[in-house]
Amino acid sequence: MTGCKTNLSLRISLLVCGLAAWAAIGARAEDAPGIQAGLAVRDITPPEPIWLSGYASRDRPSERVDHPLLAQALALKGSSGETAVLVSLDNCEVTGRFTAPVLKRITEACGI
């Protein structure tokens, strides 16, 4: 049952993000045929035990995986070329030091 809740939560999150991105790139009902969308989900669960954050009482690394950690992305391109990309990570914190090279690679690879 937990997997169903996770999938529903993912779908709702992506729908909300998609609508927000669609609004951000100026999409209108008459533009809908020109809208392009892409979704991606990747498992980013570390292969070995790691120290987890979120609870002050943690005194040892993780012991098992209850649910995989995911990276989820939604990309929307409007009919006039504007592009919006939303990425969600199952992570408590992402620093600028981490995101800067990721954004650079995306810009170079995708031209956005």
PDB file of N, CA and C in Angstrom:
ATOM      1  N   MET A   1       0.818  -1.197   0.000  1.00  0.00           N
ATOM      2  CA  MET A   1       0.000   0.000   0.000  1.00  0.00           C
ATOM      3  C   MET A   1       0.859   1.258   0.000  1.00  0.00           C
ATOM      4  N   THR A   2       2.013   1.205   0.650  1.00  0.00           N
ATOM      5  CA  THR A   2       2.888   2.370   0.705  1.00  0.00           C
ATOM      6  C   THR A   2       3.329   2.795  -0.685  1.00  0.00           C
ATOM      7  N   GLY A   3       3.643   1.822  -1.558  1.00  0.00           N
ATOM      8  CA  GLY A   3       4.049   2.151  -2.919  1.00  0.00           C
ATOM      9  C   GLY A   3       2.977   2.902  -3.662  1.00  0.00           C
ATOM     10  N   CYS A   4       1.713   2.542  -3.446  1.00  0.00           N
ATOM     11  CA  CYS A   4       0.603   3.244  -4.095  1.00  0.00           C
ATOM     12  C   CYS A   4       0.539   4.681  -3.627  1.00  0.00           C
ATOM     13  N   LYS A   5       0.714   4.888  -2.324  1.00  0.00           N
ATOM     14  CA  LYS A   5       0.697   6.248  -1.796  1.00  0.00           C
ATOM     15  C   LYS A   5       1.851   7.053  -2.365  1.00  0.00           C
ATOM     16  N   THR A   6       3.021   6.442  -2.473  1.00  0.00           N
ATOM     17  CA  THR A   6       4.181   7.133  -3.030  1.00  0.00           C
ATOM     18  C   THR A   6       3.928   7.515  -4.480  1.00  0.00           C
ATOM     19  N   ASN A   7       3.394   6.594  -5.275  1.00  0.00           N
ATOM     20  CA  ASN A   7       3.110   6.893  -6.676  1.00  0.00           C
ATOM     21  C   ASN A   7       2.073   7.991  -6.798  1.00  0.00           C
ATOM     22  N   LEU A   8       1.034   7.964  -5.964  1.00  0.00           N
ATOM     23  CA  LEU A   8       0.021   8.999  -6.003  1.00  0.00           C
ATOM     24  C   LEU A   8       0.631  10.336  -5.621  1.00  0.00           C
ATOM     25  N   SER A   9       1.439  10.344  -4.579  1.00  0.00           N
ATOM     26  CA  SER A   9       2.106  11.565  -4.152  1.00  0.00           C
ATOM     27  C   SER A   9       3.001  12.112  -5.258  1.00  0.00           C
ATOM     28  N   LEU A  10       3.733  11.228  -5.928  1.00  0.00           N
ATOM     29  CA  LEU A  10       4.591  11.633  -7.038  1.00  0.00           C
ATOM     30  C   LEU A  10       3.764  12.245  -8.153  1.00  0.00           C
ATOM     31  N   ARG A  11       2.669  11.603  -8.511  1.00  0.00           N
ATOM     32  CA  ARG A  11       1.820  12.116  -9.591  1.00  0.00           C
ATOM     33  C   ARG A  11       1.233  13.475  -9.238  1.00  0.00           C
ATOM     34  N   ILE A  12       0.770  13.625  -8.009  1.00  0.00           N
ATOM     35  CA  ILE A  12       0.209  14.903  -7.586  1.00  0.00           C
ATOM     36  C   ILE A  12       1.288  15.977  -7.604  1.00  0.00           C
ATOM     37  N   SER A  13       2.473  15.654  -7.087  1.00  0.00           N
ATOM     38  CA  SER A  13       3.573  16.622  -7.070  1.00  0.00           C
ATOM     39  C   SER A  13       3.949  17.052  -8.476  1.00  0.00           C
ATOM     40  N   LEU A  14       4.074  16.090  -9.374  1.00  0.00           N
ATOM     41  CA  LEU A  14       4.443  16.422 -10.746  1.00  0.00           C
ATOM     42  C   LEU A  14       3.351  17.228 -11.435  1.00  0.00           C
ATOM     43  N   LEU A  15       2.090  16.927 -11.154  1.00  0.00           N
ATOM     44  CA  LEU A  15       0.999  17.691 -11.737  1.00  0.00           C
ATOM     45  C   LEU A  15       1.044  19.133 -11.271  1.00  0.00           C
ATOM     46  N   VAL A  16       1.205  19.336  -9.966  1.00  0.00           N
ATOM     47  CA  VAL A  16       1.271  20.692  -9.422  1.00  0.00           C
ATOM     48  C   VAL A  16       2.483  21.436  -9.997  1.00  0.00           C
ATOM     49  N   CYS A  17       3.641  20.780 -10.019  1.00  0.00           N
ATOM     50  CA  CYS A  17       4.837  21.412 -10.574  1.00  0.00           C
ATOM     51  C   CYS A  17       4.663  21.708 -12.055  1.00  0.00           C
ATOM     52  N   GLY A  18       4.048  20.783 -12.753  1.00  0.00           N
ATOM     53  CA  GLY A  18       3.816  20.979 -14.183  1.00  0.00           C
ATOM     54  C   GLY A  18       2.925  22.175 -14.455  1.00  0.00           C
ATOM     55  N   LEU A  19       1.867  22.307 -13.683  1.00  0.00           N
ATOM     56  CA  LEU A  19       0.979  23.454 -13.864  1.00  0.00           C
ATOM     57  C   LEU A  19       1.697  24.761 -13.543  1.00  0.00           C
ATOM     58  N   ALA A  20       2.513  24.737 -12.506  1.00  0.00           N
ATOM     59  CA  ALA A  20       3.272  25.942 -12.156  1.00  0.00           C
ATOM     60  C   ALA A  20       4.262  26.297 -13.256  1.00  0.00           C
ATOM     61  N   ALA A  21       4.952  25.298 -13.790  1.00  0.00           N
ATOM     62  CA  ALA A  21       5.910  25.561 -14.865  1.00  0.00           C
ATOM     63  C   ALA A  21       5.200  26.020 -16.123  1.00  0.00           C
ATOM     64  N   TRP A  22       4.071  25.426 -16.411  1.00  0.00           N
ATOM     65  CA  TRP A  22       3.298  25.809 -17.589  1.00  0.00           C
ATOM     66  C   TRP A  22       2.905  27.279 -17.491  1.00  0.00           C
ATOM     67  N   ALA A  23       2.470  27.690 -16.303  1.00  0.00           N
ATOM     68  CA  ALA A  23       2.130  29.088 -16.097  1.00  0.00           C
ATOM     69  C   ALA A  23       3.370  29.972 -16.211  1.00  0.00           C
ATOM     70  N   ALA A  24       4.499  29.480 -15.716  1.00  0.00           N
ATOM     71  CA  ALA A  24       5.739  30.272 -15.737  1.00  0.00           C
ATOM     72  C   ALA A  24       6.239  30.525 -17.150  1.00  0.00           C
ATOM     73  N   ILE A  25       5.974  29.613 -18.084  1.00  0.00           N
ATOM     74  CA  ILE A  25       6.465  29.822 -19.448  1.00  0.00           C
ATOM     75  C   ILE A  25       5.404  30.461 -20.332  1.00  0.00           C
ATOM     76  N   GLY A  26       4.307  30.899 -19.719  1.00  0.00           N
ATOM     77  CA  GLY A  26       3.309  31.662 -20.451  1.00  0.00           C
ATOM     78  C   GLY A  26       2.418  30.831 -21.354  1.00  0.00           C
ATOM     79  N   ALA A  27       2.189  29.597 -21.041  1.00  0.00           N
ATOM     80  CA  ALA A  27       1.339  28.752 -21.879  1.00  0.00           C
ATOM     81  C   ALA A  27      -0.113  29.170 -21.734  1.00  0.00           C
ATOM     82  N   ARG A  28      -0.806  29.176 -22.853  1.00  0.00           N
ATOM     83  CA  ARG A  28      -2.237  29.467 -22.873  1.00  0.00           C
ATOM     84  C   ARG A  28      -2.943  28.291 -23.517  1.00  0.00           C
ATOM     85  N   ALA A  29      -4.244  28.227 -23.387  1.00  0.00           N
ATOM     86  CA  ALA A  29      -5.011  27.110 -23.939  1.00  0.00           C
ATOM     87  C   ALA A  29      -4.778  26.969 -25.436  1.00  0.00           C
ATOM     88  N   GLU A  30      -4.702  28.086 -26.154  1.00  0.00           N
ATOM     89  CA  GLU A  30      -4.500  27.998 -27.603  1.00  0.00           C
ATOM     90  C   GLU A  30      -3.081  27.537 -27.967  1.00  0.00           C
ATOM     91  N   ASP A  31      -2.146  27.590 -26.996  1.00  0.00           N
ATOM     92  CA  ASP A  31      -0.777  27.127 -27.239  1.00  0.00           C
ATOM     93  C   ASP A  31      -0.603  25.633 -26.971  1.00  0.00           C
ATOM     94  N   ALA A  32      -1.591  25.015 -26.352  1.00  0.00           N
ATOM     95  CA  ALA A  32      -1.443  23.644 -25.877  1.00  0.00           C
ATOM     96  C   ALA A  32      -0.873  22.678 -26.903  1.00  0.00           C
ATOM     97  N   PRO A  33      -1.295  22.703 -28.179  1.00  0.00           N
ATOM     98  CA  PRO A  33      -0.710  21.749 -29.127  1.00  0.00           C
ATOM     99  C   PRO A  33       0.799  21.913 -29.300  1.00  0.00           C
ATOM    100  N   GLY A  34       1.325  23.112 -29.012  1.00  0.00           N
ATOM    101  CA  GLY A  34       2.752  23.347 -29.171  1.00  0.00           C
ATOM    102  C   GLY A  34       3.574  23.051 -27.937  1.00  0.00           C
ATOM    103  N   ILE A  35       2.934  22.675 -26.853  1.00  0.00           N
ATOM    104  CA  ILE A  35       3.644  22.388 -25.609  1.00  0.00           C
ATOM    105  C   ILE A  35       4.302  21.011 -25.706  1.00  0.00           C
ATOM    106  N   GLN A  36       5.576  20.953 -25.328  1.00  0.00           N
ATOM    107  CA  GLN A  36       6.281  19.676 -25.254  1.00  0.00           C
ATOM    108  C   GLN A  36       6.618  19.429 -23.787  1.00  0.00           C
ATOM    109  N   ALA A  37       6.511  18.179 -23.373  1.00  0.00           N
ATOM    110  CA  ALA A  37       6.778  17.842 -21.983  1.00  0.00           C
ATOM    111  C   ALA A  37       7.607  16.573 -21.906  1.00  0.00           C
ATOM    112  N   GLY A  38       8.438  16.504 -20.885  1.00  0.00           N
ATOM    113  CA  GLY A  38       9.220  15.297 -20.635  1.00  0.00           C
ATOM    114  C   GLY A  38       9.316  15.052 -19.140  1.00  0.00           C
ATOM    115  N   LEU A  39       9.254  13.795 -18.768  1.00  0.00           N
ATOM    116  CA  LEU A  39       9.371  13.387 -17.369  1.00  0.00           C
ATOM    117  C   LEU A  39      10.495  12.380 -17.229  1.00  0.00           C
ATOM    118  N   ALA A  40      11.169  12.412 -16.104  1.00  0.00           N
ATOM    119  CA  ALA A  40      12.190  11.412 -15.823  1.00  0.00           C
ATOM    120  C   ALA A  40      12.225  11.152 -14.326  1.00  0.00           C
ATOM    121  N   VAL A  41      12.437   9.914 -13.959  1.00  0.00           N
ATOM    122  CA  VAL A  41      12.594   9.521 -12.563  1.00  0.00           C
ATOM    123  C   VAL A  41      13.777   8.572 -12.497  1.00  0.00           C
ATOM    124  N   ARG A  42      14.700   8.846 -11.591  1.00  0.00           N
ATOM    125  CA  ARG A  42      15.872   7.986 -11.417  1.00  0.00           C
ATOM    126  C   ARG A  42      16.050   7.646  -9.942  1.00  0.00           C
ATOM    127  N   ASP A  43      16.472   6.430  -9.709  1.00  0.00           N
ATOM    128  CA  ASP A  43      16.792   5.979  -8.352  1.00  0.00           C
ATOM    129  C   ASP A  43      18.189   6.504  -8.014  1.00  0.00           C
ATOM    130  N   ILE A  44      18.287   7.275  -6.932  1.00  0.00           N
ATOM    131  CA  ILE A  44      19.573   7.824  -6.500  1.00  0.00           C
ATOM    132  C   ILE A  44      19.979   7.283  -5.129  1.00  0.00           C
ATOM    133  N   THR A  45      19.403   6.131  -4.762  1.00  0.00           N
ATOM    134  CA  THR A  45      19.715   5.521  -3.473  1.00  0.00           C
ATOM    135  C   THR A  45      21.187   5.118  -3.424  1.00  0.00           C
ATOM    136  N   PRO A  46      21.929   5.558  -2.419  1.00  0.00           N
ATOM    137  CA  PRO A  46      23.340   5.164  -2.311  1.00  0.00           C
ATOM    138  C   PRO A  46      23.468   3.642  -2.177  1.00  0.00           C
ATOM    139  N   PRO A  47      24.536   3.067  -2.710  1.00  0.00           N
ATOM    140  CA  PRO A  47      24.702   1.611  -2.666  1.00  0.00           C
ATOM    141  C   PRO A  47      25.154   1.082  -1.306  1.00  0.00           C
ATOM    142  N   GLU A  48      25.512   1.951  -0.411  1.00  0.00           N
ATOM    143  CA  GLU A  48      26.016   1.503   0.895  1.00  0.00           C
ATOM    144  C   GLU A  48      25.374   2.326   1.998  1.00  0.00           C
ATOM    145  N   PRO A  49      25.482   1.877   3.234  1.00  0.00           N
ATOM    146  CA  PRO A  49      24.908   2.657   4.343  1.00  0.00           C
ATOM    147  C   PRO A  49      25.492   4.067   4.405  1.00  0.00           C
ATOM    148  N   ILE A  50      24.641   5.025   4.728  1.00  0.00           N
ATOM    149  CA  ILE A  50      25.071   6.418   4.848  1.00  0.00           C
ATOM    150  C   ILE A  50      24.502   7.002   6.136  1.00  0.00           C
ATOM    151  N   TRP A  51      25.079   8.109   6.563  1.00  0.00           N
ATOM    152  CA  TRP A  51      24.536   8.844   7.698  1.00  0.00           C
ATOM    153  C   TRP A  51      23.354   9.658   7.199  1.00  0.00           C
ATOM    154  N   LEU A  52      22.228   9.524   7.861  1.00  0.00           N
ATOM    155  CA  LEU A  52      21.004  10.218   7.471  1.00  0.00           C
ATOM    156  C   LEU A  52      20.783  11.432   8.358  1.00  0.00           C
ATOM    157  N   SER A  53      20.109  12.415   7.812  1.00  0.00           N
ATOM    158  CA  SER A  53      19.758  13.580   8.619  1.00  0.00           C
ATOM    159  C   SER A  53      18.276  13.533   8.935  1.00  0.00           C
ATOM    160  N   GLY A  54      17.834  14.430   9.776  1.00  0.00           N
ATOM    161  CA  GLY A  54      16.425  14.534  10.073  1.00  0.00           C
ATOM    162  C   GLY A  54      16.029  14.152  11.483  1.00  0.00           C
ATOM    163  N   TYR A  55      16.856  13.425  12.174  1.00  0.00           N
ATOM    164  CA  TYR A  55      16.545  13.031  13.548  1.00  0.00           C
ATOM    165  C   TYR A  55      17.796  13.229  14.399  1.00  0.00           C
ATOM    166  N   ALA A  56      17.651  13.879  15.543  1.00  0.00           N
ATOM    167  CA  ALA A  56      18.795  14.173  16.398  1.00  0.00           C
ATOM    168  C   ALA A  56      19.371  12.925  17.062  1.00  0.00           C
ATOM    169  N   SER A  57      18.579  11.865  17.151  1.00  0.00           N
ATOM    170  CA  SER A  57      19.037  10.675  17.870  1.00  0.00           C
ATOM    171  C   SER A  57      19.810   9.684  16.994  1.00  0.00           C
ATOM    172  N   ARG A  58      20.097  10.013  15.768  1.00  0.00           N
ATOM    173  CA  ARG A  58      20.840   9.078  14.907  1.00  0.00           C
ATOM    174  C   ARG A  58      22.267   8.938  15.430  1.00  0.00           C
ATOM    175  N   ASP A  59      22.658   7.691  15.723  1.00  0.00           N
ATOM    176  CA  ASP A  59      24.006   7.448  16.225  1.00  0.00           C
ATOM    177  C   ASP A  59      24.747   6.394  15.403  1.00  0.00           C
ATOM    178  N   ARG A  60      24.207   6.072  14.225  1.00  0.00           N
ATOM    179  CA  ARG A  60      24.866   5.101  13.342  1.00  0.00           C
ATOM    180  C   ARG A  60      24.335   5.292  11.917  1.00  0.00           C
ATOM    181  N   PRO A  61      25.049   4.774  10.936  1.00  0.00           N
ATOM    182  CA  PRO A  61      24.593   4.886   9.542  1.00  0.00           C
ATOM    183  C   PRO A  61      23.307   4.085   9.311  1.00  0.00           C
ATOM    184  N   SER A  62      22.711   4.306   8.167  1.00  0.00           N
ATOM    185  CA  SER A  62      21.481   3.584   7.806  1.00  0.00           C
ATOM    186  C   SER A  62      21.721   2.078   7.814  1.00  0.00           C
ATOM    187  N   GLU A  63      20.654   1.334   8.076  1.00  0.00           N
ATOM    188  CA  GLU A  63      20.763  -0.122   8.147  1.00  0.00           C
ATOM    189  C   GLU A  63      20.049  -0.822   6.993  1.00  0.00           C
ATOM    190  N   ARG A  64      19.096  -0.150   6.378  1.00  0.00           N
ATOM    191  CA  ARG A  64      18.331  -0.759   5.291  1.00  0.00           C
ATOM    192  C   ARG A  64      17.679   0.356   4.474  1.00  0.00           C
ATOM    193  N   VAL A  65      17.104  -0.039   3.370  1.00  0.00           N
ATOM    194  CA  VAL A  65      16.375   0.897   2.512  1.00  0.00           C
ATOM    195  C   VAL A  65      14.896   0.544   2.579  1.00  0.00           C
ATOM    196  N   ASP A  66      14.095   1.444   3.123  1.00  0.00           N
ATOM    197  CA  ASP A  66      12.648   1.233   3.157  1.00  0.00           C
ATOM    198  C   ASP A  66      12.016   1.642   1.825  1.00  0.00           C
ATOM    199  N   HIS A  67      12.490   2.756   1.282  1.00  0.00           N
ATOM    200  CA  HIS A  67      12.001   3.274   0.012  1.00  0.00           C
ATOM    201  C   HIS A  67      13.199   3.843  -0.745  1.00  0.00           C
ATOM    202  N   PRO A  68      13.269   3.649  -2.035  1.00  0.00           N
ATOM    203  CA  PRO A  68      14.392   4.220  -2.773  1.00  0.00           C
ATOM    204  C   PRO A  68      14.332   5.755  -2.764  1.00  0.00           C
ATOM    205  N   LEU A  69      15.494   6.372  -2.820  1.00  0.00           N
ATOM    206  CA  LEU A  69      15.570   7.822  -2.957  1.00  0.00           C
ATOM    207  C   LEU A  69      15.499   8.132  -4.446  1.00  0.00           C
ATOM    208  N   LEU A  70      14.724   9.140  -4.807  1.00  0.00           N
ATOM    209  CA  LEU A  70      14.493   9.435  -6.222  1.00  0.00           C
ATOM    210  C   LEU A  70      14.906  10.849  -6.585  1.00  0.00           C
ATOM    211  N   ALA A  71      15.299  11.006  -7.826  1.00  0.00           N
ATOM    212  CA  ALA A  71      15.417  12.309  -8.472  1.00  0.00           C
ATOM    213  C   ALA A  71      14.328  12.311  -9.536  1.00  0.00           C
ATOM    214  N   GLN A  72      13.509  13.349  -9.542  1.00  0.00           N
ATOM    215  CA  GLN A  72      12.403  13.449 -10.485  1.00  0.00           C
ATOM    216  C   GLN A  72      12.531  14.766 -11.236  1.00  0.00           C
ATOM    217  N   ALA A  73      12.285  14.726 -12.527  1.00  0.00           N
ATOM    218  CA  ALA A  73      12.397  15.942 -13.327  1.00  0.00           C
ATOM    219  C   ALA A  73      11.205  16.070 -14.262  1.00  0.00           C
ATOM    220  N   LEU A  74      10.772  17.297 -14.436  1.00  0.00           N
ATOM    221  CA  LEU A  74       9.717  17.634 -15.373  1.00  0.00           C
ATOM    222  C   LEU A  74      10.241  18.781 -16.223  1.00  0.00           C
ATOM    223  N   ALA A  75      10.232  18.610 -17.533  1.00  0.00           N
ATOM    224  CA  ALA A  75      10.664  19.664 -18.440  1.00  0.00           C
ATOM    225  C   ALA A  75       9.486  20.032 -19.338  1.00  0.00           C
ATOM    226  N   LEU A  76       9.244  21.325 -19.482  1.00  0.00           N
ATOM    227  CA  LEU A  76       8.191  21.823 -20.348  1.00  0.00           C
ATOM    228  C   LEU A  76       8.772  22.862 -21.289  1.00  0.00           C
ATOM    229  N   LYS A  77       8.362  22.790 -22.545  1.00  0.00           N
ATOM    230  CA  LYS A  77       8.800  23.761 -23.539  1.00  0.00           C
ATOM    231  C   LYS A  77       7.572  24.338 -24.214  1.00  0.00           C
ATOM    232  N   GLY A  78       7.455  25.661 -24.154  1.00  0.00           N
ATOM    233  CA  GLY A  78       6.319  26.343 -24.761  1.00  0.00           C
ATOM    234  C   GLY A  78       6.460  26.426 -26.271  1.00  0.00           C
ATOM    235  N   SER A  79       5.368  26.786 -26.927  1.00  0.00           N
ATOM    236  CA  SER A  79       5.362  26.840 -28.382  1.00  0.00           C
ATOM    237  C   SER A  79       6.315  27.898 -28.936  1.00  0.00           C
ATOM    238  N   SER A  80       6.676  28.893 -28.136  1.00  0.00           N
ATOM    239  CA  SER A  80       7.619  29.902 -28.619  1.00  0.00           C
ATOM    240  C   SER A  80       9.038  29.658 -28.120  1.00  0.00           C
ATOM    241  N   GLY A  81       9.286  28.475 -27.503  1.00  0.00           N
ATOM    242  CA  GLY A  81      10.645  28.083 -27.157  1.00  0.00           C
ATOM    243  C   GLY A  81      11.055  28.226 -25.710  1.00  0.00           C
ATOM    244  N   GLU A  82      10.232  28.889 -24.873  1.00  0.00           N
ATOM    245  CA  GLU A  82      10.605  29.009 -23.462  1.00  0.00           C
ATOM    246  C   GLU A  82      10.621  27.625 -22.840  1.00  0.00           C
ATOM    247  N   THR A  83      11.611  27.379 -21.986  1.00  0.00           N
ATOM    248  CA  THR A  83      11.735  26.073 -21.346  1.00  0.00           C
ATOM    249  C   THR A  83      11.800  26.243 -19.837  1.00  0.00           C
ATOM    250  N   ALA A  84      11.088  25.368 -19.140  1.00  0.00           N
ATOM    251  CA  ALA A  84      11.139  25.323 -17.679  1.00  0.00           C
ATOM    252  C   ALA A  84      11.448  23.891 -17.274  1.00  0.00           C
ATOM    253  N   VAL A  85      12.385  23.740 -16.347  1.00  0.00           N
ATOM    254  CA  VAL A  85      12.738  22.414 -15.841  1.00  0.00           C
ATOM    255  C   VAL A  85      12.636  22.451 -14.328  1.00  0.00           C
ATOM    256  N   LEU A  86      11.894  21.501 -13.789  1.00  0.00           N
ATOM    257  CA  LEU A  86      11.758  21.367 -12.341  1.00  0.00           C
ATOM    258  C   LEU A  86      12.375  20.043 -11.937  1.00  0.00           C
ATOM    259  N   VAL A  87      13.212  20.074 -10.909  1.00  0.00           N
ATOM    260  CA  VAL A  87      13.855  18.857 -10.427  1.00  0.00           C
ATOM    261  C   VAL A  87      13.567  18.732  -8.936  1.00  0.00           C
ATOM    262  N   SER A  88      13.192  17.544  -8.532  1.00  0.00           N
ATOM    263  CA  SER A  88      12.923  17.248  -7.130  1.00  0.00           C
ATOM    264  C   SER A  88      13.841  16.112  -6.694  1.00  0.00           C
ATOM    265  N   LEU A  89      14.519  16.303  -5.568  1.00  0.00           N
ATOM    266  CA  LEU A  89      15.396  15.272  -5.017  1.00  0.00           C
ATOM    267  C   LEU A  89      14.879  14.832  -3.660  1.00  0.00           C
ATOM    268  N   ASP A  90      14.940  13.537  -3.394  1.00  0.00           N
ATOM    269  CA  ASP A  90      14.638  13.030  -2.056  1.00  0.00           C
ATOM    270  C   ASP A  90      15.885  13.251  -1.210  1.00  0.00           C
ATOM    271  N   ASN A  91      16.049  14.478  -0.767  1.00  0.00           N
ATOM    272  CA  ASN A  91      17.243  14.878  -0.053  1.00  0.00           C
ATOM    273  C   ASN A  91      16.868  16.033   0.867  1.00  0.00           C
ATOM    274  N   CYS A  92      17.512  16.137   2.010  1.00  0.00           N
ATOM    275  CA  CYS A  92      17.181  17.208   2.942  1.00  0.00           C
ATOM    276  C   CYS A  92      17.796  18.544   2.556  1.00  0.00           C
ATOM    277  N   GLU A  93      18.940  18.516   1.904  1.00  0.00           N
ATOM    278  CA  GLU A  93      19.635  19.764   1.610  1.00  0.00           C
ATOM    279  C   GLU A  93      20.496  19.595   0.372  1.00  0.00           C
ATOM    280  N   VAL A  94      20.488  20.622  -0.472  1.00  0.00           N
ATOM    281  CA  VAL A  94      21.360  20.653  -1.635  1.00  0.00           C
ATOM    282  C   VAL A  94      22.024  22.025  -1.637  1.00  0.00           C
ATOM    283  N   THR A  95      23.332  22.039  -1.637  1.00  0.00           N
ATOM    284  CA  THR A  95      24.073  23.293  -1.555  1.00  0.00           C
ATOM    285  C   THR A  95      24.306  23.903  -2.933  1.00  0.00           C
ATOM    286  N   GLY A  96      24.674  25.162  -2.953  1.00  0.00           N
ATOM    287  CA  GLY A  96      25.053  25.820  -4.195  1.00  0.00           C
ATOM    288  C   GLY A  96      26.280  25.178  -4.808  1.00  0.00           C
ATOM    289  N   ARG A  97      27.170  24.694  -3.979  1.00  0.00           N
ATOM    290  CA  ARG A  97      28.379  24.000  -4.457  1.00  0.00           C
ATOM    291  C   ARG A  97      28.009  22.733  -5.236  1.00  0.00           C
ATOM    292  N   PHE A  98      26.929  22.065  -4.834  1.00  0.00           N
ATOM    293  CA  PHE A  98      26.452  20.882  -5.543  1.00  0.00           C
ATOM    294  C   PHE A  98      25.702  21.280  -6.818  1.00  0.00           C
ATOM    295  N   THR A  99      24.808  22.268  -6.710  1.00  0.00           N
ATOM    296  CA  THR A  99      23.952  22.592  -7.849  1.00  0.00           C
ATOM    297  C   THR A  99      24.679  23.321  -8.970  1.00  0.00           C
ATOM    298  N   ALA A 100      25.701  24.100  -8.679  1.00  0.00           N
ATOM    299  CA  ALA A 100      26.383  24.880  -9.719  1.00  0.00           C
ATOM    300  C   ALA A 100      26.906  24.008 -10.864  1.00  0.00           C
ATOM    301  N   PRO A 101      27.669  22.936 -10.617  1.00  0.00           N
ATOM    302  CA  PRO A 101      28.135  22.119 -11.742  1.00  0.00           C
ATOM    303  C   PRO A 101      26.994  21.358 -12.434  1.00  0.00           C
ATOM    304  N   VAL A 102      25.957  21.023 -11.690  1.00  0.00           N
ATOM    305  CA  VAL A 102      24.804  20.340 -12.303  1.00  0.00           C
ATOM    306  C   VAL A 102      24.121  21.292 -13.287  1.00  0.00           C
ATOM    307  N   LEU A 103      23.874  22.511 -12.841  1.00  0.00           N
ATOM    308  CA  LEU A 103      23.243  23.499 -13.719  1.00  0.00           C
ATOM    309  C   LEU A 103      24.109  23.802 -14.939  1.00  0.00           C
ATOM    310  N   LYS A 104      25.421  23.848 -14.745  1.00  0.00           N
ATOM    311  CA  LYS A 104      26.333  24.089 -15.866  1.00  0.00           C
ATOM    312  C   LYS A 104      26.223  22.969 -16.888  1.00  0.00           C
ATOM    313  N   ARG A 105      26.220  21.713 -16.425  1.00  0.00           N
ATOM    314  CA  ARG A 105      26.111  20.572 -17.356  1.00  0.00           C
ATOM    315  C   ARG A 105      24.780  20.574 -18.095  1.00  0.00           C
ATOM    316  N   ILE A 106      23.702  20.906 -17.391  1.00  0.00           N
ATOM    317  CA  ILE A 106      22.396  20.967 -18.037  1.00  0.00           C
ATOM    318  C   ILE A 106      22.387  22.064 -19.102  1.00  0.00           C
ATOM    319  N   THR A 107      22.924  23.206 -18.750  1.00  0.00           N
ATOM    320  CA  THR A 107      22.974  24.321 -19.711  1.00  0.00           C
ATOM    321  C   THR A 107      23.774  23.948 -20.949  1.00  0.00           C
ATOM    322  N   GLU A 108      24.939  23.341 -20.745  1.00  0.00           N
ATOM    323  CA  GLU A 108      25.776  22.958 -21.878  1.00  0.00           C
ATOM    324  C   GLU A 108      25.139  21.853 -22.727  1.00  0.00           C
ATOM    325  N   ALA A 109      24.545  20.870 -22.067  1.00  0.00           N
ATOM    326  CA  ALA A 109      23.984  19.723 -22.796  1.00  0.00           C
ATOM    327  C   ALA A 109      22.670  20.042 -23.484  1.00  0.00           C
ATOM    328  N   CYS A 110      21.868  20.891 -22.857  1.00  0.00           N
ATOM    329  CA  CYS A 110      20.508  21.122 -23.363  1.00  0.00           C
ATOM    330  C   CYS A 110      20.292  22.530 -23.916  1.00  0.00           C
ATOM    331  N   GLY A 111      21.223  23.418 -23.683  1.00  0.00           N
ATOM    332  CA  GLY A 111      21.068  24.773 -24.186  1.00  0.00           C
ATOM    333  C   GLY A 111      19.974  25.565 -23.475  1.00  0.00           C
ATOM    334  N   ILE A 112      19.730  25.238 -22.226  1.00  0.00           N
ATOM    335  CA  ILE A 112      18.708  25.972 -21.474  1.00  0.00           C
ATOM    336  C   ILE A 112      19.317  26.569 -20.229  1.00  0.00           C
TER     337      ILE A 112
END
